[in-house]
Amino acid sequence: MSSESKILDSACDTSIVTDIILKTEIKPEIHAVDVAENMVSIARERSSAHPNAQTAVMAGKELSFSDNTFTHSITNLGLVYFTDTGDG
């Protein structure tokens, strides 16, 4: 990862991974999304001091981003919620 990276943190929960990345010297563009509004609210608060971080309520299998938007995609603990292996 570098400052030029564009990262998707899907099923971000409270943005645990986003928070770790933002504490490094690199400052990539990060989009942290989760289907749970309360999780996104916490993630938004945690990342509010970082202009490179965006948060949104969004289901991981219904992303509204164009194809090839991101250089990296992270799904930390959310994989258990993606039960259809043929989807997305």
PDB file of N, CA and C in Angstrom:
ATOM      1  N   MET A   1       0.831  -1.169   0.000  1.00  0.00           N
ATOM      2  CA  MET A   1       0.000   0.000   0.000  1.00  0.00           C
ATOM      3  C   MET A   1       0.883   1.242   0.000  1.00  0.00           C
ATOM      4  N   SER A   2       0.330   2.288  -0.606  1.00  0.00           N
ATOM      5  CA  SER A   2       1.041   3.563  -0.644  1.00  0.00           C
ATOM      6  C   SER A   2       0.019   4.691  -0.520  1.00  0.00           C
ATOM      7  N   SER A   3       0.505   5.904  -0.526  1.00  0.00           N
ATOM      8  CA  SER A   3      -0.397   7.058  -0.473  1.00  0.00           C
ATOM      9  C   SER A   3      -1.255   7.156  -1.729  1.00  0.00           C
ATOM     10  N   GLU A   4      -0.855   6.471  -2.785  1.00  0.00           N
ATOM     11  CA  GLU A   4      -1.616   6.463  -4.038  1.00  0.00           C
ATOM     12  C   GLU A   4      -2.708   5.392  -4.056  1.00  0.00           C
ATOM     13  N   SER A   5      -2.719   4.536  -3.065  1.00  0.00           N
ATOM     14  CA  SER A   5      -3.688   3.436  -3.017  1.00  0.00           C
ATOM     15  C   SER A   5      -5.104   3.949  -2.797  1.00  0.00           C
ATOM     16  N   LYS A   6      -6.048   3.211  -3.352  1.00  0.00           N
ATOM     17  CA  LYS A   6      -7.475   3.448  -3.111  1.00  0.00           C
ATOM     18  C   LYS A   6      -8.021   2.154  -2.530  1.00  0.00           C
ATOM     19  N   ILE A   7      -8.437   2.221  -1.274  1.00  0.00           N
ATOM     20  CA  ILE A   7      -8.763   1.019  -0.516  1.00  0.00           C
ATOM     21  C   ILE A   7     -10.241   0.965  -0.180  1.00  0.00           C
ATOM     22  N   LEU A   8     -10.823  -0.207  -0.365  1.00  0.00           N
ATOM     23  CA  LEU A   8     -12.182  -0.478   0.088  1.00  0.00           C
ATOM     24  C   LEU A   8     -12.083  -1.321   1.351  1.00  0.00           C
ATOM     25  N   ASP A   9     -12.674  -0.832   2.425  1.00  0.00           N
ATOM     26  CA  ASP A   9     -12.793  -1.603   3.667  1.00  0.00           C
ATOM     27  C   ASP A   9     -14.254  -2.026   3.750  1.00  0.00           C
ATOM     28  N   SER A  10     -14.551  -3.201   3.214  1.00  0.00           N
ATOM     29  CA  SER A  10     -15.924  -3.702   3.131  1.00  0.00           C
ATOM     30  C   SER A  10     -16.292  -4.449   4.407  1.00  0.00           C
ATOM     31  N   ALA A  11     -17.533  -4.281   4.846  1.00  0.00           N
ATOM     32  CA  ALA A  11     -17.982  -4.834   6.131  1.00  0.00           C
ATOM     33  C   ALA A  11     -17.049  -4.320   7.219  1.00  0.00           C
ATOM     34  N   CYS A  12     -16.868  -3.004   7.235  1.00  0.00           N
ATOM     35  CA  CYS A  12     -15.825  -2.357   8.048  1.00  0.00           C
ATOM     36  C   CYS A  12     -16.063  -2.404   9.547  1.00  0.00           C
ATOM     37  N   ASP A  13     -17.283  -2.743   9.975  1.00  0.00           N
ATOM     38  CA  ASP A  13     -17.597  -2.737  11.398  1.00  0.00           C
ATOM     39  C   ASP A  13     -17.322  -1.329  11.922  1.00  0.00           C
ATOM     40  N   THR A  14     -16.545  -1.170  12.959  1.00  0.00           N
ATOM     41  CA  THR A  14     -16.251   0.161  13.504  1.00  0.00           C
ATOM     42  C   THR A  14     -14.975   0.746  12.916  1.00  0.00           C
ATOM     43  N   SER A  15     -14.537   0.237  11.811  1.00  0.00           N
ATOM     44  CA  SER A  15     -13.350   0.668  11.041  1.00  0.00           C
ATOM     45  C   SER A  15     -12.032   0.307  11.715  1.00  0.00           C
ATOM     46  N   ILE A  16     -11.963  -0.879  12.238  1.00  0.00           N
ATOM     47  CA  ILE A  16     -10.750  -1.346  12.910  1.00  0.00           C
ATOM     48  C   ILE A  16      -9.550  -1.300  11.956  1.00  0.00           C
ATOM     49  N   VAL A  17      -9.708  -1.859  10.764  1.00  0.00           N
ATOM     50  CA  VAL A  17      -8.607  -1.907   9.802  1.00  0.00           C
ATOM     51  C   VAL A  17      -8.312  -0.514   9.258  1.00  0.00           C
ATOM     52  N   THR A  18      -9.349   0.237   8.930  1.00  0.00           N
ATOM     53  CA  THR A  18      -9.157   1.609   8.451  1.00  0.00           C
ATOM     54  C   THR A  18      -8.371   2.414   9.469  1.00  0.00           C
ATOM     55  N   ASP A  19      -8.713   2.281  10.723  1.00  0.00           N
ATOM     56  CA  ASP A  19      -8.037   3.007  11.797  1.00  0.00           C
ATOM     57  C   ASP A  19      -6.554   2.646  11.852  1.00  0.00           C
ATOM     58  N   ILE A  20      -6.237   1.377  11.708  1.00  0.00           N
ATOM     59  CA  ILE A  20      -4.833   0.938  11.722  1.00  0.00           C
ATOM     60  C   ILE A  20      -4.072   1.551  10.552  1.00  0.00           C
ATOM     61  N   ILE A  21      -4.670   1.524   9.371  1.00  0.00           N
ATOM     62  CA  ILE A  21      -4.018   2.085   8.180  1.00  0.00           C
ATOM     63  C   ILE A  21      -3.804   3.587   8.342  1.00  0.00           C
ATOM     64  N   LEU A  22      -4.804   4.288   8.867  1.00  0.00           N
ATOM     65  CA  LEU A  22      -4.700   5.740   9.011  1.00  0.00           C
ATOM     66  C   LEU A  22      -3.668   6.163  10.058  1.00  0.00           C
ATOM     67  N   LYS A  23      -3.259   5.244  10.910  1.00  0.00           N
ATOM     68  CA  LYS A  23      -2.225   5.553  11.907  1.00  0.00           C
ATOM     69  C   LYS A  23      -0.813   5.371  11.352  1.00  0.00           C
ATOM     70  N   THR A  24      -0.700   4.910  10.110  1.00  0.00           N
ATOM     71  CA  THR A  24       0.613   4.747   9.485  1.00  0.00           C
ATOM     72  C   THR A  24       1.016   6.052   8.812  1.00  0.00           C
ATOM     73  N   GLU A  25       2.221   6.073   8.281  1.00  0.00           N
ATOM     74  CA  GLU A  25       2.705   7.269   7.590  1.00  0.00           C
ATOM     75  C   GLU A  25       2.045   7.459   6.231  1.00  0.00           C
ATOM     76  N   ILE A  26       1.601   6.380   5.618  1.00  0.00           N
ATOM     77  CA  ILE A  26       0.921   6.520   4.327  1.00  0.00           C
ATOM     78  C   ILE A  26      -0.504   7.003   4.579  1.00  0.00           C
ATOM     79  N   LYS A  27      -1.028   7.761   3.675  1.00  0.00           N
ATOM     80  CA  LYS A  27      -2.394   8.273   3.823  1.00  0.00           C
ATOM     81  C   LYS A  27      -3.178   7.989   2.538  1.00  0.00           C
ATOM     82  N   PRO A  28      -3.536   6.727   2.324  1.00  0.00           N
ATOM     83  CA  PRO A  28      -4.278   6.375   1.112  1.00  0.00           C
ATOM     84  C   PRO A  28      -5.727   6.851   1.194  1.00  0.00           C
ATOM     85  N   GLU A  29      -6.395   6.803   0.079  1.00  0.00           N
ATOM     86  CA  GLU A  29      -7.842   7.058   0.054  1.00  0.00           C
ATOM     87  C   GLU A  29      -8.528   5.773   0.516  1.00  0.00           C
ATOM     88  N   ILE A  30      -9.395   5.886   1.516  1.00  0.00           N
ATOM     89  CA  ILE A  30     -10.075   4.708   2.053  1.00  0.00           C
ATOM     90  C   ILE A  30     -11.577   4.945   2.066  1.00  0.00           C
ATOM     91  N   HIS A  31     -12.319   3.948   1.583  1.00  0.00           N
ATOM     92  CA  HIS A  31     -13.781   3.958   1.655  1.00  0.00           C
ATOM     93  C   HIS A  31     -14.190   2.806   2.560  1.00  0.00           C
ATOM     94  N   ALA A  32     -14.689   3.147   3.745  1.00  0.00           N
ATOM     95  CA  ALA A  32     -15.121   2.148   4.720  1.00  0.00           C
ATOM     96  C   ALA A  32     -16.641   2.025   4.648  1.00  0.00           C
ATOM     97  N   VAL A  33     -17.127   0.835   4.333  1.00  0.00           N
ATOM     98  CA  VAL A  33     -18.571   0.627   4.180  1.00  0.00           C
ATOM     99  C   VAL A  33     -19.030  -0.565   5.014  1.00  0.00           C
ATOM    100  N   ASP A  34     -20.261  -0.466   5.469  1.00  0.00           N
ATOM    101  CA  ASP A  34     -20.871  -1.543   6.238  1.00  0.00           C
ATOM    102  C   ASP A  34     -22.378  -1.408   6.082  1.00  0.00           C
ATOM    103  N   VAL A  35     -23.090  -2.496   6.192  1.00  0.00           N
ATOM    104  CA  VAL A  35     -24.540  -2.485   6.074  1.00  0.00           C
ATOM    105  C   VAL A  35     -25.200  -1.962   7.359  1.00  0.00           C
ATOM    106  N   ALA A  36     -24.480  -1.994   8.471  1.00  0.00           N
ATOM    107  CA  ALA A  36     -25.036  -1.579   9.764  1.00  0.00           C
ATOM    108  C   ALA A  36     -24.787  -0.090  10.002  1.00  0.00           C
ATOM    109  N   GLU A  37     -25.859   0.662  10.049  1.00  0.00           N
ATOM    110  CA  GLU A  37     -25.757   2.114  10.211  1.00  0.00           C
ATOM    111  C   GLU A  37     -25.022   2.511  11.494  1.00  0.00           C
ATOM    112  N   ASN A  38     -25.253   1.785  12.578  1.00  0.00           N
ATOM    113  CA  ASN A  38     -24.578   2.128  13.838  1.00  0.00           C
ATOM    114  C   ASN A  38     -23.068   1.896  13.754  1.00  0.00           C
ATOM    115  N   MET A  39     -22.636   0.885  13.015  1.00  0.00           N
ATOM    116  CA  MET A  39     -21.206   0.634  12.835  1.00  0.00           C
ATOM    117  C   MET A  39     -20.572   1.749  12.004  1.00  0.00           C
ATOM    118  N   VAL A  40     -21.268   2.168  10.956  1.00  0.00           N
ATOM    119  CA  VAL A  40     -20.759   3.236  10.096  1.00  0.00           C
ATOM    120  C   VAL A  40     -20.685   4.549  10.868  1.00  0.00           C
ATOM    121  N   SER A  41     -21.633   4.784  11.745  1.00  0.00           N
ATOM    122  CA  SER A  41     -21.614   5.994  12.568  1.00  0.00           C
ATOM    123  C   SER A  41     -20.355   6.039  13.437  1.00  0.00           C
ATOM    124  N   ILE A  42     -20.009   4.919  14.035  1.00  0.00           N
ATOM    125  CA  ILE A  42     -18.787   4.840  14.843  1.00  0.00           C
ATOM    126  C   ILE A  42     -17.556   4.987  13.952  1.00  0.00           C
ATOM    127  N   ALA A  43     -17.563   4.316  12.808  1.00  0.00           N
ATOM    128  CA  ALA A  43     -16.444   4.412  11.867  1.00  0.00           C
ATOM    129  C   ALA A  43     -16.252   5.850  11.407  1.00  0.00           C
ATOM    130  N   ARG A  44     -17.330   6.537  11.117  1.00  0.00           N
ATOM    131  CA  ARG A  44     -17.277   7.929  10.666  1.00  0.00           C
ATOM    132  C   ARG A  44     -16.643   8.810  11.748  1.00  0.00           C
ATOM    133  N   GLU A  45     -17.049   8.598  12.977  1.00  0.00           N
ATOM    134  CA  GLU A  45     -16.500   9.380  14.087  1.00  0.00           C
ATOM    135  C   GLU A  45     -15.004   9.107  14.264  1.00  0.00           C
ATOM    136  N   ARG A  46     -14.621   7.857  14.172  1.00  0.00           N
ATOM    137  CA  ARG A  46     -13.210   7.476  14.356  1.00  0.00           C
ATOM    138  C   ARG A  46     -12.308   8.029  13.259  1.00  0.00           C
ATOM    139  N   SER A  47     -12.840   8.181  12.054  1.00  0.00           N
ATOM    140  CA  SER A  47     -12.005   8.615  10.928  1.00  0.00           C
ATOM    141  C   SER A  47     -12.238  10.073  10.536  1.00  0.00           C
ATOM    142  N   SER A  48     -12.994  10.807  11.324  1.00  0.00           N
ATOM    143  CA  SER A  48     -13.388  12.174  10.954  1.00  0.00           C
ATOM    144  C   SER A  48     -12.213  13.133  10.785  1.00  0.00           C
ATOM    145  N   ALA A  49     -11.106  12.890  11.424  1.00  0.00           N
ATOM    146  CA  ALA A  49      -9.943  13.772  11.308  1.00  0.00           C
ATOM    147  C   ALA A  49      -9.119  13.503  10.048  1.00  0.00           C
ATOM    148  N   HIS A  50      -9.509  12.510   9.274  1.00  0.00           N
ATOM    149  CA  HIS A  50      -8.745  12.115   8.090  1.00  0.00           C
ATOM    150  C   HIS A  50      -9.542  12.415   6.820  1.00  0.00           C
ATOM    151  N   PRO A  51      -9.144  13.434   6.068  1.00  0.00           N
ATOM    152  CA  PRO A  51      -9.890  13.793   4.851  1.00  0.00           C
ATOM    153  C   PRO A  51      -9.870  12.706   3.777  1.00  0.00           C
ATOM    154  N   ASN A  52      -8.936  11.766   3.857  1.00  0.00           N
ATOM    155  CA  ASN A  52      -8.833  10.687   2.860  1.00  0.00           C
ATOM    156  C   ASN A  52      -9.798   9.544   3.139  1.00  0.00           C
ATOM    157  N   ALA A  53     -10.468   9.580   4.285  1.00  0.00           N
ATOM    158  CA  ALA A  53     -11.354   8.479   4.674  1.00  0.00           C
ATOM    159  C   ALA A  53     -12.811   8.870   4.471  1.00  0.00           C
ATOM    160  N   GLN A  54     -13.524   8.007   3.772  1.00  0.00           N
ATOM    161  CA  GLN A  54     -14.955   8.193   3.537  1.00  0.00           C
ATOM    162  C   GLN A  54     -15.691   6.995   4.124  1.00  0.00           C
ATOM    163  N   THR A  55     -16.881   7.232   4.640  1.00  0.00           N
ATOM    164  CA  THR A  55     -17.688   6.142   5.181  1.00  0.00           C
ATOM    165  C   THR A  55     -19.065   6.170   4.545  1.00  0.00           C
ATOM    166  N   ALA A  56     -19.690   5.001   4.458  1.00  0.00           N
ATOM    167  CA  ALA A  56     -21.035   4.921   3.887  1.00  0.00           C
ATOM    168  C   ALA A  56     -21.727   3.650   4.353  1.00  0.00           C
ATOM    169  N   VAL A  57     -23.033   3.753   4.491  1.00  0.00           N
ATOM    170  CA  VAL A  57     -23.851   2.572   4.755  1.00  0.00           C
ATOM    171  C   VAL A  57     -24.076   1.908   3.403  1.00  0.00           C
ATOM    172  N   MET A  58     -23.553   0.695   3.256  1.00  0.00           N
ATOM    173  CA  MET A  58     -23.635   0.018   1.966  1.00  0.00           C
ATOM    174  C   MET A  58     -23.392  -1.473   2.174  1.00  0.00           C
ATOM    175  N   ALA A  59     -24.210  -2.281   1.554  1.00  0.00           N
ATOM    176  CA  ALA A  59     -24.024  -3.735   1.619  1.00  0.00           C
ATOM    177  C   ALA A  59     -22.833  -4.138   0.756  1.00  0.00           C
ATOM    178  N   GLY A  60     -22.013  -5.015   1.269  1.00  0.00           N
ATOM    179  CA  GLY A  60     -20.817  -5.453   0.558  1.00  0.00           C
ATOM    180  C   GLY A  60     -21.081  -6.099  -0.782  1.00  0.00           C
ATOM    181  N   LYS A  61     -22.237  -6.728  -0.943  1.00  0.00           N
ATOM    182  CA  LYS A  61     -22.518  -7.351  -2.245  1.00  0.00           C
ATOM    183  C   LYS A  61     -23.382  -6.470  -3.132  1.00  0.00           C
ATOM    184  N   GLU A  62     -23.590  -5.229  -2.718  1.00  0.00           N
ATOM    185  CA  GLU A  62     -24.332  -4.258  -3.533  1.00  0.00           C
ATOM    186  C   GLU A  62     -23.590  -2.926  -3.534  1.00  0.00           C
ATOM    187  N   LEU A  63     -22.319  -2.961  -3.848  1.00  0.00           N
ATOM    188  CA  LEU A  63     -21.493  -1.759  -3.828  1.00  0.00           C
ATOM    189  C   LEU A  63     -21.871  -0.827  -4.974  1.00  0.00           C
ATOM    190  N   SER A  64     -21.838   0.469  -4.705  1.00  0.00           N
ATOM    191  CA  SER A  64     -22.215   1.441  -5.736  1.00  0.00           C
ATOM    192  C   SER A  64     -20.996   2.064  -6.420  1.00  0.00           C
ATOM    193  N   PHE A  65     -19.844   1.452  -6.287  1.00  0.00           N
ATOM    194  CA  PHE A  65     -18.629   1.948  -6.920  1.00  0.00           C
ATOM    195  C   PHE A  65     -18.471   1.315  -8.300  1.00  0.00           C
ATOM    196  N   SER A  66     -17.829   2.039  -9.190  1.00  0.00           N
ATOM    197  CA  SER A  66     -17.538   1.500 -10.519  1.00  0.00           C
ATOM    198  C   SER A  66     -16.498   0.391 -10.409  1.00  0.00           C
ATOM    199  N   ASP A  67     -16.499  -0.507 -11.380  1.00  0.00           N
ATOM    200  CA  ASP A  67     -15.473  -1.550 -11.427  1.00  0.00           C
ATOM    201  C   ASP A  67     -14.088  -0.906 -11.484  1.00  0.00           C
ATOM    202  N   ASN A  68     -13.127  -1.560 -10.919  1.00  0.00           N
ATOM    203  CA  ASN A  68     -11.722  -1.133 -10.933  1.00  0.00           C
ATOM    204  C   ASN A  68     -11.476   0.199 -10.230  1.00  0.00           C
ATOM    205  N   THR A  69     -12.342   0.567  -9.282  1.00  0.00           N
ATOM    206  CA  THR A  69     -12.147   1.794  -8.509  1.00  0.00           C
ATOM    207  C   THR A  69     -10.991   1.650  -7.531  1.00  0.00           C
ATOM    208  N   PHE A  70     -10.820   0.460  -6.973  1.00  0.00           N
ATOM    209  CA  PHE A  70      -9.890   0.268  -5.864  1.00  0.00           C
ATOM    210  C   PHE A  70      -8.649  -0.519  -6.263  1.00  0.00           C
ATOM    211  N   THR A  71      -7.547  -0.176  -5.607  1.00  0.00           N
ATOM    212  CA  THR A  71      -6.313  -0.940  -5.776  1.00  0.00           C
ATOM    213  C   THR A  71      -6.236  -2.068  -4.755  1.00  0.00           C
ATOM    214  N   HIS A  72      -6.965  -1.920  -3.643  1.00  0.00           N
ATOM    215  CA  HIS A  72      -6.979  -2.918  -2.574  1.00  0.00           C
ATOM    216  C   HIS A  72      -8.393  -3.036  -2.021  1.00  0.00           C
ATOM    217  N   SER A  73      -8.764  -4.235  -1.626  1.00  0.00           N
ATOM    218  CA  SER A  73     -10.053  -4.462  -0.975  1.00  0.00           C
ATOM    219  C   SER A  73      -9.832  -5.325   0.261  1.00  0.00           C
ATOM    220  N   ILE A  74     -10.372  -4.868   1.385  1.00  0.00           N
ATOM    221  CA  ILE A  74     -10.196  -5.559   2.660  1.00  0.00           C
ATOM    222  C   ILE A  74     -11.563  -5.918   3.218  1.00  0.00           C
ATOM    223  N   THR A  75     -11.697  -7.137   3.671  1.00  0.00           N
ATOM    224  CA  THR A  75     -12.879  -7.557   4.424  1.00  0.00           C
ATOM    225  C   THR A  75     -12.346  -8.277   5.649  1.00  0.00           C
ATOM    226  N   ASN A  76     -12.371  -7.599   6.778  1.00  0.00           N
ATOM    227  CA  ASN A  76     -11.748  -8.121   7.988  1.00  0.00           C
ATOM    228  C   ASN A  76     -12.543  -9.284   8.568  1.00  0.00           C
ATOM    229  N   LEU A  77     -13.525  -9.016   9.366  1.00  0.00           N
ATOM    230  CA  LEU A  77     -14.297 -10.076  10.019  1.00  0.00           C
ATOM    231  C   LEU A  77     -15.639 -10.324   9.337  1.00  0.00           C
ATOM    232  N   GLY A  78     -15.906  -9.654   8.240  1.00  0.00           N
ATOM    233  CA  GLY A  78     -17.206  -9.737   7.598  1.00  0.00           C
ATOM    234  C   GLY A  78     -17.408 -10.895   6.648  1.00  0.00           C
ATOM    235  N   LEU A  79     -16.379 -11.683   6.388  1.00  0.00           N
ATOM    236  CA  LEU A  79     -16.518 -12.774   5.417  1.00  0.00           C
ATOM    237  C   LEU A  79     -17.623 -13.755   5.782  1.00  0.00           C
ATOM    238  N   VAL A  80     -17.904 -13.923   7.048  1.00  0.00           N
ATOM    239  CA  VAL A  80     -18.946 -14.865   7.467  1.00  0.00           C
ATOM    240  C   VAL A  80     -20.330 -14.430   6.992  1.00  0.00           C
ATOM    241  N   TYR A  81     -20.479 -13.152   6.630  1.00  0.00           N
ATOM    242  CA  TYR A  81     -21.776 -12.647   6.177  1.00  0.00           C
ATOM    243  C   TYR A  81     -21.975 -12.800   4.675  1.00  0.00           C
ATOM    244  N   PHE A  82     -20.924 -13.155   3.962  1.00  0.00           N
ATOM    245  CA  PHE A  82     -21.019 -13.377   2.525  1.00  0.00           C
ATOM    246  C   PHE A  82     -21.152 -14.881   2.302  1.00  0.00           C
ATOM    247  N   THR A  83     -22.378 -15.368   2.338  1.00  0.00           N
ATOM    248  CA  THR A  83     -22.615 -16.814   2.336  1.00  0.00           C
ATOM    249  C   THR A  83     -22.774 -17.416   0.948  1.00  0.00           C
ATOM    250  N   ASP A  84     -23.048 -16.608  -0.062  1.00  0.00           N
ATOM    251  CA  ASP A  84     -23.233 -17.119  -1.417  1.00  0.00           C
ATOM    252  C   ASP A  84     -21.923 -16.980  -2.181  1.00  0.00           C
ATOM    253  N   THR A  85     -21.201 -18.068  -2.355  1.00  0.00           N
ATOM    254  CA  THR A  85     -19.886 -18.013  -2.992  1.00  0.00           C
ATOM    255  C   THR A  85     -19.954 -17.619  -4.463  1.00  0.00           C
ATOM    256  N   GLY A  86     -21.095 -17.721  -5.090  1.00  0.00           N
ATOM    257  CA  GLY A  86     -21.247 -17.323  -6.481  1.00  0.00           C
ATOM    258  C   GLY A  86     -21.599 -15.859  -6.642  1.00  0.00           C
ATOM    259  N   ASP A  87     -21.864 -15.176  -5.553  1.00  0.00           N
ATOM    260  CA  ASP A  87     -22.250 -13.768  -5.564  1.00  0.00           C
ATOM    261  C   ASP A  87     -21.023 -12.882  -5.412  1.00  0.00           C
ATOM    262  N   GLY A  88     -20.929 -11.838  -6.215  1.00  0.00           N
ATOM    263  CA  GLY A  88     -19.907 -10.809  -6.043  1.00  0.00           C
ATOM    264  C   GLY A  88     -18.539 -11.350  -6.093  1.00  0.00           C
TER     265      GLY A  88
END
